[in-house]
């Protein structure tokens, strides 16, 4: 069973605020963007789950089936979200990174 670590973004944001340099400012801004993307991803996921994956679109006298536009938006944003997390980890001071036990060795 995989142990999922929950990260309090406000603590990470506070760490960047304490850095008081360009990396701290950048990190603070990245956290704000990450929070926005997280909220947007939740909305997109809700949209995808509540409607169908394939939607009908009216084209004059006929309808065509197409993928729900929220799916491509979600896929694009989740890539950006993951990239932003990677950027945040790269500029965090190393003493603040504690990966913990991921349970990998237990297998």
PDB file of N, CA and C in Angstrom:
ATOM      1  N   UNK A   1       0.849  -1.178   0.000  1.00  0.00           N
ATOM      2  CA  UNK A   1       0.000   0.000   0.000  1.00  0.00           C
ATOM      3  C   UNK A   1       0.892   1.238   0.000  1.00  0.00           C
ATOM      4  N   UNK A   2       0.599   2.169  -0.857  1.00  0.00           N
ATOM      5  CA  UNK A   2       1.399   3.370  -0.988  1.00  0.00           C
ATOM      6  C   UNK A   2       0.925   4.419   0.006  1.00  0.00           C
ATOM      7  N   UNK A   3       1.892   5.019   0.680  1.00  0.00           N
ATOM      8  CA  UNK A   3       1.594   6.090   1.613  1.00  0.00           C
ATOM      9  C   UNK A   3       1.655   7.409   0.851  1.00  0.00           C
ATOM     10  N   UNK A   4       0.576   8.160   0.874  1.00  0.00           N
ATOM     11  CA  UNK A   4       0.519   9.438   0.173  1.00  0.00           C
ATOM     12  C   UNK A   4       0.781  10.548   1.178  1.00  0.00           C
ATOM     13  N   UNK A   5       1.794  11.349   0.861  1.00  0.00           N
ATOM     14  CA  UNK A   5       2.129  12.464   1.729  1.00  0.00           C
ATOM     15  C   UNK A   5       1.288  13.677   1.357  1.00  0.00           C
ATOM     16  N   UNK A   6       0.711  14.319   2.352  1.00  0.00           N
ATOM     17  CA  UNK A   6      -0.039  15.546   2.112  1.00  0.00           C
ATOM     18  C   UNK A   6       0.887  16.710   2.442  1.00  0.00           C
ATOM     19  N   UNK A   7       0.932  17.651   1.535  1.00  0.00           N
ATOM     20  CA  UNK A   7       1.805  18.799   1.693  1.00  0.00           C
ATOM     21  C   UNK A   7       0.944  20.034   1.903  1.00  0.00           C
ATOM     22  N   UNK A   8       1.243  20.768   2.963  1.00  0.00           N
ATOM     23  CA  UNK A   8       0.544  22.015   3.228  1.00  0.00           C
ATOM     24  C   UNK A   8       1.249  23.113   2.438  1.00  0.00           C
ATOM     25  N   UNK A   9       0.601  23.597   1.394  1.00  0.00           N
ATOM     26  CA  UNK A   9       1.221  24.601   0.530  1.00  0.00           C
ATOM     27  C   UNK A   9       1.485  25.909   1.264  1.00  0.00           C
ATOM     28  N   UNK A  10       0.723  26.198   2.319  1.00  0.00           N
ATOM     29  CA  UNK A  10       0.971  27.416   3.096  1.00  0.00           C
ATOM     30  C   UNK A  10       2.306  27.339   3.830  1.00  0.00           C
ATOM     31  N   UNK A  11       2.699  26.142   4.268  1.00  0.00           N
ATOM     32  CA  UNK A  11       4.004  25.980   4.925  1.00  0.00           C
ATOM     33  C   UNK A  11       5.119  26.200   3.916  1.00  0.00           C
ATOM     34  N   UNK A  12       4.964  25.631   2.715  1.00  0.00           N
ATOM     35  CA  UNK A  12       5.966  25.813   1.668  1.00  0.00           C
ATOM     36  C   UNK A  12       6.020  27.286   1.267  1.00  0.00           C
ATOM     37  N   UNK A  13       4.871  27.916   1.173  1.00  0.00           N
ATOM     38  CA  UNK A  13       4.816  29.332   0.831  1.00  0.00           C
ATOM     39  C   UNK A  13       5.539  30.168   1.891  1.00  0.00           C
ATOM     40  N   UNK A  14       5.348  29.811   3.150  1.00  0.00           N
ATOM     41  CA  UNK A  14       6.043  30.501   4.247  1.00  0.00           C
ATOM     42  C   UNK A  14       7.550  30.328   4.167  1.00  0.00           C
ATOM     43  N   UNK A  15       7.983  29.147   3.748  1.00  0.00           N
ATOM     44  CA  UNK A  15       9.414  28.882   3.578  1.00  0.00           C
ATOM     45  C   UNK A  15       9.995  29.824   2.536  1.00  0.00           C
ATOM     46  N   UNK A  16       9.289  29.994   1.433  1.00  0.00           N
ATOM     47  CA  UNK A  16       9.765  30.905   0.391  1.00  0.00           C
ATOM     48  C   UNK A  16       9.766  32.349   0.876  1.00  0.00           C
ATOM     49  N   UNK A  17       8.774  32.714   1.675  1.00  0.00           N
ATOM     50  CA  UNK A  17       8.703  34.080   2.189  1.00  0.00           C
ATOM     51  C   UNK A  17       9.903  34.373   3.098  1.00  0.00           C
ATOM     52  N   UNK A  18      10.319  33.363   3.870  1.00  0.00           N
ATOM     53  CA  UNK A  18      11.467  33.512   4.767  1.00  0.00           C
ATOM     54  C   UNK A  18      12.796  33.614   4.016  1.00  0.00           C
ATOM     55  N   UNK A  19      12.861  33.104   2.792  1.00  0.00           N
ATOM     56  CA  UNK A  19      14.104  33.104   2.036  1.00  0.00           C
ATOM     57  C   UNK A  19      14.569  34.530   1.710  1.00  0.00           C
ATOM     58  N   UNK A  20      13.632  35.441   1.486  1.00  0.00           N
ATOM     59  CA  UNK A  20      13.941  36.843   1.278  1.00  0.00           C
ATOM     60  C   UNK A  20      14.982  37.083   0.177  1.00  0.00           C
ATOM     61  N   UNK A  21      14.835  36.385  -0.938  1.00  0.00           N
ATOM     62  CA  UNK A  21      15.692  36.591  -2.104  1.00  0.00           C
ATOM     63  C   UNK A  21      14.874  36.304  -3.366  1.00  0.00           C
ATOM     64  N   UNK A  22      15.537  36.343  -4.540  1.00  0.00           N
ATOM     65  CA  UNK A  22      14.798  36.138  -5.791  1.00  0.00           C
ATOM     66  C   UNK A  22      14.153  34.757  -5.869  1.00  0.00           C
ATOM     67  N   UNK A  23      14.853  33.741  -5.371  1.00  0.00           N
ATOM     68  CA  UNK A  23      14.273  32.391  -5.395  1.00  0.00           C
ATOM     69  C   UNK A  23      13.032  32.332  -4.512  1.00  0.00           C
ATOM     70  N   UNK A  24      13.070  33.033  -3.403  1.00  0.00           N
ATOM     71  CA  UNK A  24      11.912  33.070  -2.514  1.00  0.00           C
ATOM     72  C   UNK A  24      10.721  33.740  -3.170  1.00  0.00           C
ATOM     73  N   UNK A  25      10.978  34.843  -3.881  1.00  0.00           N
ATOM     74  CA  UNK A  25       9.905  35.547  -4.584  1.00  0.00           C
ATOM     75  C   UNK A  25       9.335  34.655  -5.684  1.00  0.00           C
ATOM     76  N   UNK A  26      10.218  34.035  -6.450  1.00  0.00           N
ATOM     77  CA  UNK A  26       9.781  33.137  -7.513  1.00  0.00           C
ATOM     78  C   UNK A  26       8.981  31.969  -6.939  1.00  0.00           C
ATOM     79  N   UNK A  27       9.480  31.367  -5.870  1.00  0.00           N
ATOM     80  CA  UNK A  27       8.779  30.250  -5.238  1.00  0.00           C
ATOM     81  C   UNK A  27       7.405  30.648  -4.744  1.00  0.00           C
ATOM     82  N   UNK A  28       7.322  31.833  -4.153  1.00  0.00           N
ATOM     83  CA  UNK A  28       6.046  32.346  -3.657  1.00  0.00           C
ATOM     84  C   UNK A  28       5.059  32.482  -4.808  1.00  0.00           C
ATOM     85  N   UNK A  29       5.508  33.020  -5.934  1.00  0.00           N
ATOM     86  CA  UNK A  29       4.648  33.166  -7.102  1.00  0.00           C
ATOM     87  C   UNK A  29       4.248  31.814  -7.683  1.00  0.00           C
ATOM     88  N   UNK A  30       5.184  30.872  -7.694  1.00  0.00           N
ATOM     89  CA  UNK A  30       4.870  29.530  -8.203  1.00  0.00           C
ATOM     90  C   UNK A  30       3.817  28.838  -7.346  1.00  0.00           C
ATOM     91  N   UNK A  31       3.892  29.032  -6.036  1.00  0.00           N
ATOM     92  CA  UNK A  31       2.885  28.441  -5.132  1.00  0.00           C
ATOM     93  C   UNK A  31       1.515  29.026  -5.442  1.00  0.00           C
ATOM     94  N   UNK A  32       1.451  30.350  -5.673  1.00  0.00           N
ATOM     95  CA  UNK A  32       0.163  30.967  -6.028  1.00  0.00           C
ATOM     96  C   UNK A  32      -0.399  30.357  -7.308  1.00  0.00           C
ATOM     97  N   UNK A  33       0.457  30.159  -8.307  1.00  0.00           N
ATOM     98  CA  UNK A  33       0.012  29.551  -9.565  1.00  0.00           C
ATOM     99  C   UNK A  33      -0.418  28.100  -9.352  1.00  0.00           C
ATOM    100  N   UNK A  34       0.319  27.387  -8.500  1.00  0.00           N
ATOM    101  CA  UNK A  34      -0.008  25.993  -8.210  1.00  0.00           C
ATOM    102  C   UNK A  34      -1.383  25.885  -7.549  1.00  0.00           C
ATOM    103  N   UNK A  35      -1.659  26.778  -6.628  1.00  0.00           N
ATOM    104  CA  UNK A  35      -2.964  26.782  -5.953  1.00  0.00           C
ATOM    105  C   UNK A  35      -4.078  27.045  -6.959  1.00  0.00           C
ATOM    106  N   UNK A  36      -3.861  28.011  -7.863  1.00  0.00           N
ATOM    107  CA  UNK A  36      -4.850  28.297  -8.905  1.00  0.00           C
ATOM    108  C   UNK A  36      -5.074  27.070  -9.787  1.00  0.00           C
ATOM    109  N   UNK A  37      -3.979  26.435 -10.224  1.00  0.00           N
ATOM    110  CA  UNK A  37      -4.111  25.269 -11.099  1.00  0.00           C
ATOM    111  C   UNK A  37      -4.823  24.132 -10.386  1.00  0.00           C
ATOM    112  N   UNK A  38      -4.535  23.954  -9.094  1.00  0.00           N
ATOM    113  CA  UNK A  38      -5.177  22.877  -8.332  1.00  0.00           C
ATOM    114  C   UNK A  38      -6.690  23.077  -8.283  1.00  0.00           C
ATOM    115  N   UNK A  39      -7.128  24.325  -8.044  1.00  0.00           N
ATOM    116  CA  UNK A  39      -8.564  24.622  -8.020  1.00  0.00           C
ATOM    117  C   UNK A  39      -9.188  24.401  -9.395  1.00  0.00           C
ATOM    118  N   UNK A  40      -8.486  24.841 -10.435  1.00  0.00           N
ATOM    119  CA  UNK A  40      -9.003  24.696 -11.795  1.00  0.00           C
ATOM    120  C   UNK A  40      -9.078  23.231 -12.194  1.00  0.00           C
ATOM    121  N   UNK A  41      -8.067  22.458 -11.822  1.00  0.00           N
ATOM    122  CA  UNK A  41      -8.083  21.019 -12.135  1.00  0.00           C
ATOM    123  C   UNK A  41      -9.259  20.329 -11.465  1.00  0.00           C
ATOM    124  N   UNK A  42      -9.580  20.722 -10.240  1.00  0.00           N
ATOM    125  CA  UNK A  42     -10.743  20.137  -9.557  1.00  0.00           C
ATOM    126  C   UNK A  42     -12.031  20.448 -10.311  1.00  0.00           C
ATOM    127  N   UNK A  43     -12.147  21.701 -10.793  1.00  0.00           N
ATOM    128  CA  UNK A  43     -13.351  22.085 -11.550  1.00  0.00           C
ATOM    129  C   UNK A  43     -13.433  21.310 -12.857  1.00  0.00           C
ATOM    130  N   UNK A  44     -12.294  21.195 -13.554  1.00  0.00           N
ATOM    131  CA  UNK A  44     -12.291  20.464 -14.820  1.00  0.00           C
ATOM    132  C   UNK A  44     -12.618  18.992 -14.606  1.00  0.00           C
ATOM    133  N   UNK A  45     -12.075  18.419 -13.537  1.00  0.00           N
ATOM    134  CA  UNK A  45     -12.356  17.013 -13.240  1.00  0.00           C
ATOM    135  C   UNK A  45     -13.843  16.816 -12.950  1.00  0.00           C
ATOM    136  N   UNK A  46     -14.424  17.752 -12.215  1.00  0.00           N
ATOM    137  CA  UNK A  46     -15.851  17.681 -11.917  1.00  0.00           C
ATOM    138  C   UNK A  46     -16.664  17.775 -13.208  1.00  0.00           C
ATOM    139  N   UNK A  47     -16.255  18.669 -14.110  1.00  0.00           N
ATOM    140  CA  UNK A  47     -16.930  18.821 -15.409  1.00  0.00           C
ATOM    141  C   UNK A  47     -16.846  17.532 -16.215  1.00  0.00           C
ATOM    142  N   UNK A  48     -15.674  16.918 -16.246  1.00  0.00           N
ATOM    143  CA  UNK A  48     -15.487  15.679 -17.010  1.00  0.00           C
ATOM    144  C   UNK A  48     -16.323  14.552 -16.412  1.00  0.00           C
ATOM    145  N   UNK A  49     -16.335  14.457 -15.092  1.00  0.00           N
ATOM    146  CA  UNK A  49     -17.083  13.386 -14.436  1.00  0.00           C
ATOM    147  C   UNK A  49     -18.597  13.579 -14.539  1.00  0.00           C
ATOM    148  N   UNK A  50     -19.044  14.827 -14.577  1.00  0.00           N
ATOM    149  CA  UNK A  50     -20.495  15.056 -14.617  1.00  0.00           C
ATOM    150  C   UNK A  50     -21.066  14.971 -16.029  1.00  0.00           C
ATOM    151  N   UNK A  51     -20.250  15.244 -17.019  1.00  0.00           N
ATOM    152  CA  UNK A  51     -20.730  15.121 -18.400  1.00  0.00           C
ATOM    153  C   UNK A  51     -20.034  13.929 -19.046  1.00  0.00           C
ATOM    154  N   UNK A  52     -20.345  13.716 -20.271  1.00  0.00           N
ATOM    155  CA  UNK A  52     -19.780  12.560 -20.954  1.00  0.00           C
ATOM    156  C   UNK A  52     -18.405  12.889 -21.521  1.00  0.00           C
ATOM    157  N   UNK A  53     -17.629  11.844 -21.765  1.00  0.00           N
ATOM    158  CA  UNK A  53     -16.315  11.997 -22.379  1.00  0.00           C
ATOM    159  C   UNK A  53     -16.484  12.419 -23.833  1.00  0.00           C
ATOM    160  N   UNK A  54     -17.465  11.861 -24.490  1.00  0.00           N
ATOM    161  CA  UNK A  54     -17.791  12.230 -25.870  1.00  0.00           C
ATOM    162  C   UNK A  54     -19.049  13.083 -25.832  1.00  0.00           C
ATOM    163  N   UNK A  55     -18.991  14.254 -26.445  1.00  0.00           N
ATOM    164  CA  UNK A  55     -20.141  15.147 -26.481  1.00  0.00           C
ATOM    165  C   UNK A  55     -20.601  15.345 -27.922  1.00  0.00           C
ATOM    166  N   UNK A  56     -21.849  15.723 -28.068  1.00  0.00           N
ATOM    167  CA  UNK A  56     -22.380  16.028 -29.398  1.00  0.00           C
ATOM    168  C   UNK A  56     -22.329  17.535 -29.608  1.00  0.00           C
ATOM    169  N   UNK A  57     -21.924  17.918 -30.816  1.00  0.00           N
ATOM    170  CA  UNK A  57     -21.844  19.328 -31.164  1.00  0.00           C
ATOM    171  C   UNK A  57     -22.694  19.561 -32.413  1.00  0.00           C
ATOM    172  N   UNK A  58     -23.575  20.524 -32.325  1.00  0.00           N
ATOM    173  CA  UNK A  58     -24.467  20.828 -33.442  1.00  0.00           C
ATOM    174  C   UNK A  58     -23.682  21.522 -34.551  1.00  0.00           C
ATOM    175  N   UNK A  59     -23.802  20.996 -35.759  1.00  0.00           N
ATOM    176  CA  UNK A  59     -23.163  21.568 -36.945  1.00  0.00           C
ATOM    177  C   UNK A  59     -24.233  21.791 -38.014  1.00  0.00           C
ATOM    178  N   UNK A  60     -25.029  22.821 -37.836  1.00  0.00           N
ATOM    179  CA  UNK A  60     -26.094  23.085 -38.805  1.00  0.00           C
ATOM    180  C   UNK A  60     -27.178  22.034 -38.744  1.00  0.00           C
ATOM    181  N   UNK A  61     -27.302  21.241 -39.820  1.00  0.00           N
ATOM    182  CA  UNK A  61     -28.357  20.236 -39.922  1.00  0.00           C
ATOM    183  C   UNK A  61     -28.006  18.912 -39.253  1.00  0.00           C
ATOM    184  N   UNK A  62     -26.816  18.761 -38.781  1.00  0.00           N
ATOM    185  CA  UNK A  62     -26.401  17.484 -38.196  1.00  0.00           C
ATOM    186  C   UNK A  62     -25.549  17.713 -36.947  1.00  0.00           C
ATOM    187  N   UNK A  63     -25.375  16.665 -36.185  1.00  0.00           N
ATOM    188  CA  UNK A  63     -24.543  16.701 -34.983  1.00  0.00           C
ATOM    189  C   UNK A  63     -23.293  15.864 -35.226  1.00  0.00           C
ATOM    190  N   UNK A  64     -22.196  16.307 -34.628  1.00  0.00           N
ATOM    191  CA  UNK A  64     -20.973  15.499 -34.677  1.00  0.00           C
ATOM    192  C   UNK A  64     -20.568  15.167 -33.251  1.00  0.00           C
ATOM    193  N   UNK A  65     -19.908  14.048 -33.104  1.00  0.00           N
ATOM    194  CA  UNK A  65     -19.403  13.654 -31.798  1.00  0.00           C
ATOM    195  C   UNK A  65     -17.952  14.106 -31.697  1.00  0.00           C
ATOM    196  N   UNK A  66     -17.599  14.608 -30.524  1.00  0.00           N
ATOM    197  CA  UNK A  66     -16.227  15.040 -30.286  1.00  0.00           C
ATOM    198  C   UNK A  66     -15.888  14.808 -28.829  1.00  0.00           C
ATOM    199  N   UNK A  67     -14.607  14.803 -28.573  1.00  0.00           N
ATOM    200  CA  UNK A  67     -14.158  14.648 -27.189  1.00  0.00           C
ATOM    201  C   UNK A  67     -14.547  15.897 -26.401  1.00  0.00           C
ATOM    202  N   UNK A  68     -14.910  15.704 -25.171  1.00  0.00           N
ATOM    203  CA  UNK A  68     -15.242  16.810 -24.292  1.00  0.00           C
ATOM    204  C   UNK A  68     -14.040  17.762 -24.235  1.00  0.00           C
ATOM    205  N   UNK A  69     -14.209  19.057 -24.534  1.00  0.00           N
ATOM    206  CA  UNK A  69     -13.088  19.994 -24.521  1.00  0.00           C
ATOM    207  C   UNK A  69     -12.397  20.098 -23.154  1.00  0.00           C
ATOM    208  N   UNK A  70     -13.121  19.785 -22.098  1.00  0.00           N
ATOM    209  CA  UNK A  70     -12.533  19.851 -20.759  1.00  0.00           C
ATOM    210  C   UNK A  70     -11.410  18.826 -20.597  1.00  0.00           C
ATOM    211  N   UNK A  71     -11.457  17.749 -21.361  1.00  0.00           N
ATOM    212  CA  UNK A  71     -10.421  16.713 -21.258  1.00  0.00           C
ATOM    213  C   UNK A  71      -9.075  17.247 -21.721  1.00  0.00           C
ATOM    214  N   UNK A  72      -9.045  17.923 -22.864  1.00  0.00           N
ATOM    215  CA  UNK A  72      -7.764  18.449 -23.353  1.00  0.00           C
ATOM    216  C   UNK A  72      -7.263  19.574 -22.453  1.00  0.00           C
ATOM    217  N   UNK A  73      -8.171  20.384 -21.932  1.00  0.00           N
ATOM    218  CA  UNK A  73      -7.769  21.435 -20.992  1.00  0.00           C
ATOM    219  C   UNK A  73      -7.176  20.822 -19.723  1.00  0.00           C
ATOM    220  N   UNK A  74      -7.821  19.768 -19.234  1.00  0.00           N
ATOM    221  CA  UNK A  74      -7.335  19.084 -18.040  1.00  0.00           C
ATOM    222  C   UNK A  74      -5.945  18.492 -18.286  1.00  0.00           C
ATOM    223  N   UNK A  75      -5.788  17.790 -19.417  1.00  0.00           N
ATOM    224  CA  UNK A  75      -4.510  17.155 -19.726  1.00  0.00           C
ATOM    225  C   UNK A  75      -3.381  18.174 -19.842  1.00  0.00           C
ATOM    226  N   UNK A  76      -3.648  19.295 -20.471  1.00  0.00           N
ATOM    227  CA  UNK A  76      -2.639  20.349 -20.599  1.00  0.00           C
ATOM    228  C   UNK A  76      -2.282  20.927 -19.238  1.00  0.00           C
ATOM    229  N   UNK A  77      -3.304  21.222 -18.443  1.00  0.00           N
ATOM    230  CA  UNK A  77      -3.039  21.849 -17.154  1.00  0.00           C
ATOM    231  C   UNK A  77      -2.357  20.899 -16.179  1.00  0.00           C
ATOM    232  N   UNK A  78      -2.682  19.616 -16.210  1.00  0.00           N
ATOM    233  CA  UNK A  78      -2.044  18.681 -15.279  1.00  0.00           C
ATOM    234  C   UNK A  78      -0.546  18.569 -15.583  1.00  0.00           C
ATOM    235  N   UNK A  79      -0.173  18.679 -16.860  1.00  0.00           N
ATOM    236  CA  UNK A  79       1.252  18.686 -17.212  1.00  0.00           C
ATOM    237  C   UNK A  79       1.929  19.929 -16.649  1.00  0.00           C
ATOM    238  N   UNK A  80       1.278  21.073 -16.788  1.00  0.00           N
ATOM    239  CA  UNK A  80       1.825  22.313 -16.249  1.00  0.00           C
ATOM    240  C   UNK A  80       1.896  22.273 -14.720  1.00  0.00           C
ATOM    241  N   UNK A  81       0.898  21.671 -14.105  1.00  0.00           N
ATOM    242  CA  UNK A  81       0.858  21.520 -12.645  1.00  0.00           C
ATOM    243  C   UNK A  81       2.061  20.705 -12.169  1.00  0.00           C
ATOM    244  N   UNK A  82       2.296  19.581 -12.841  1.00  0.00           N
ATOM    245  CA  UNK A  82       3.429  18.733 -12.470  1.00  0.00           C
ATOM    246  C   UNK A  82       4.755  19.431 -12.708  1.00  0.00           C
ATOM    247  N   UNK A  83       4.853  20.190 -13.779  1.00  0.00           N
ATOM    248  CA  UNK A  83       6.060  20.944 -14.072  1.00  0.00           C
ATOM    249  C   UNK A  83       6.313  22.011 -13.010  1.00  0.00           C
ATOM    250  N   UNK A  84       5.250  22.656 -12.566  1.00  0.00           N
ATOM    251  CA  UNK A  84       5.372  23.680 -11.528  1.00  0.00           C
ATOM    252  C   UNK A  84       5.823  23.066 -10.214  1.00  0.00           C
ATOM    253  N   UNK A  85       5.304  21.896  -9.875  1.00  0.00           N
ATOM    254  CA  UNK A  85       5.744  21.204  -8.659  1.00  0.00           C
ATOM    255  C   UNK A  85       7.242  20.914  -8.740  1.00  0.00           C
ATOM    256  N   UNK A  86       7.680  20.455  -9.891  1.00  0.00           N
ATOM    257  CA  UNK A  86       9.104  20.160 -10.079  1.00  0.00           C
ATOM    258  C   UNK A  86       9.942  21.423  -9.894  1.00  0.00           C
ATOM    259  N   UNK A  87       9.490  22.540 -10.445  1.00  0.00           N
ATOM    260  CA  UNK A  87      10.213  23.806 -10.297  1.00  0.00           C
ATOM    261  C   UNK A  87      10.286  24.216  -8.828  1.00  0.00           C
ATOM    262  N   UNK A  88       9.188  24.041  -8.117  1.00  0.00           N
ATOM    263  CA  UNK A  88       9.160  24.418  -6.697  1.00  0.00           C
ATOM    264  C   UNK A  88      10.159  23.572  -5.914  1.00  0.00           C
ATOM    265  N   UNK A  89      10.164  22.279  -6.166  1.00  0.00           N
ATOM    266  CA  UNK A  89      11.087  21.382  -5.462  1.00  0.00           C
ATOM    267  C   UNK A  89      12.536  21.759  -5.754  1.00  0.00           C
ATOM    268  N   UNK A  90      12.818  22.136  -7.000  1.00  0.00           N
ATOM    269  CA  UNK A  90      14.190  22.487  -7.379  1.00  0.00           C
ATOM    270  C   UNK A  90      14.706  23.738  -6.680  1.00  0.00           C
ATOM    271  N   UNK A  91      13.833  24.691  -6.375  1.00  0.00           N
ATOM    272  CA  UNK A  91      14.317  25.918  -5.736  1.00  0.00           C
ATOM    273  C   UNK A  91      14.144  25.930  -4.224  1.00  0.00           C
ATOM    274  N   UNK A  92      13.476  24.927  -3.675  1.00  0.00           N
ATOM    275  CA  UNK A  92      13.357  24.824  -2.216  1.00  0.00           C
ATOM    276  C   UNK A  92      14.725  24.533  -1.616  1.00  0.00           C
ATOM    277  N   UNK A  93      15.028  25.123  -0.468  1.00  0.00           N
ATOM    278  CA  UNK A  93      16.264  24.745   0.220  1.00  0.00           C
ATOM    279  C   UNK A  93      16.234  23.261   0.551  1.00  0.00           C
ATOM    280  N   UNK A  94      17.353  22.587   0.400  1.00  0.00           N
ATOM    281  CA  UNK A  94      17.387  21.127   0.551  1.00  0.00           C
ATOM    282  C   UNK A  94      16.970  20.645   1.933  1.00  0.00           C
ATOM    283  N   UNK A  95      17.158  21.449   2.959  1.00  0.00           N
ATOM    284  CA  UNK A  95      16.765  21.001   4.303  1.00  0.00           C
ATOM    285  C   UNK A  95      15.257  20.963   4.478  1.00  0.00           C
ATOM    286  N   UNK A  96      14.501  21.582   3.559  1.00  0.00           N
ATOM    287  CA  UNK A  96      13.045  21.566   3.648  1.00  0.00           C
ATOM    288  C   UNK A  96      12.427  20.408   2.886  1.00  0.00           C
ATOM    289  N   UNK A  97      13.236  19.662   2.153  1.00  0.00           N
ATOM    290  CA  UNK A  97      12.711  18.548   1.370  1.00  0.00           C
ATOM    291  C   UNK A  97      12.867  17.276   2.182  1.00  0.00           C
ATOM    292  N   UNK A  98      11.745  16.680   2.547  1.00  0.00           N
ATOM    293  CA  UNK A  98      11.744  15.447   3.304  1.00  0.00           C
ATOM    294  C   UNK A  98      10.825  14.468   2.593  1.00  0.00           C
ATOM    295  N   UNK A  99      11.389  13.639   1.718  1.00  0.00           N
ATOM    296  CA  UNK A  99      10.528  12.752   0.947  1.00  0.00           C
ATOM    297  C   UNK A  99       9.808  11.706   1.780  1.00  0.00           C
ATOM    298  N   UNK A 100      10.321  11.395   2.964  1.00  0.00           N
ATOM    299  CA  UNK A 100       9.657  10.410   3.802  1.00  0.00           C
ATOM    300  C   UNK A 100       9.772   9.009   3.237  1.00  0.00           C
ATOM    301  N   UNK A 101       9.069   8.088   3.844  1.00  0.00           N
ATOM    302  CA  UNK A 101       9.079   6.694   3.397  1.00  0.00           C
ATOM    303  C   UNK A 101       7.929   6.497   2.429  1.00  0.00           C
ATOM    304  N   UNK A 102       8.277   6.142   1.200  1.00  0.00           N
ATOM    305  CA  UNK A 102       7.241   5.930   0.200  1.00  0.00           C
ATOM    306  C   UNK A 102       6.737   4.500   0.175  1.00  0.00           C
ATOM    307  N   UNK A 103       7.287   3.623   0.997  1.00  0.00           N
ATOM    308  CA  UNK A 103       6.837   2.256   1.081  1.00  0.00           C
ATOM    309  C   UNK A 103       7.399   1.352  -0.011  1.00  0.00           C
ATOM    310  N   UNK A 104       8.288   1.883  -0.839  1.00  0.00           N
ATOM    311  CA  UNK A 104       8.832   1.108  -1.967  1.00  0.00           C
ATOM    312  C   UNK A 104       9.601  -0.118  -1.496  1.00  0.00           C
ATOM    313  N   UNK A 105      10.376   0.022  -0.434  1.00  0.00           N
ATOM    314  CA  UNK A 105      11.214  -1.091   0.045  1.00  0.00           C
ATOM    315  C   UNK A 105      10.403  -2.207   0.697  1.00  0.00           C
ATOM    316  N   UNK A 106       9.124  -1.937   0.989  1.00  0.00           N
ATOM    317  CA  UNK A 106       8.295  -2.937   1.646  1.00  0.00           C
ATOM    318  C   UNK A 106       7.823  -4.034   0.683  1.00  0.00           C
ATOM    319  N   UNK A 107       7.996  -3.850  -0.610  1.00  0.00           N
ATOM    320  CA  UNK A 107       7.522  -4.839  -1.585  1.00  0.00           C
ATOM    321  C   UNK A 107       8.443  -6.005  -1.677  1.00  0.00           C
TER     322      UNK A 107
END
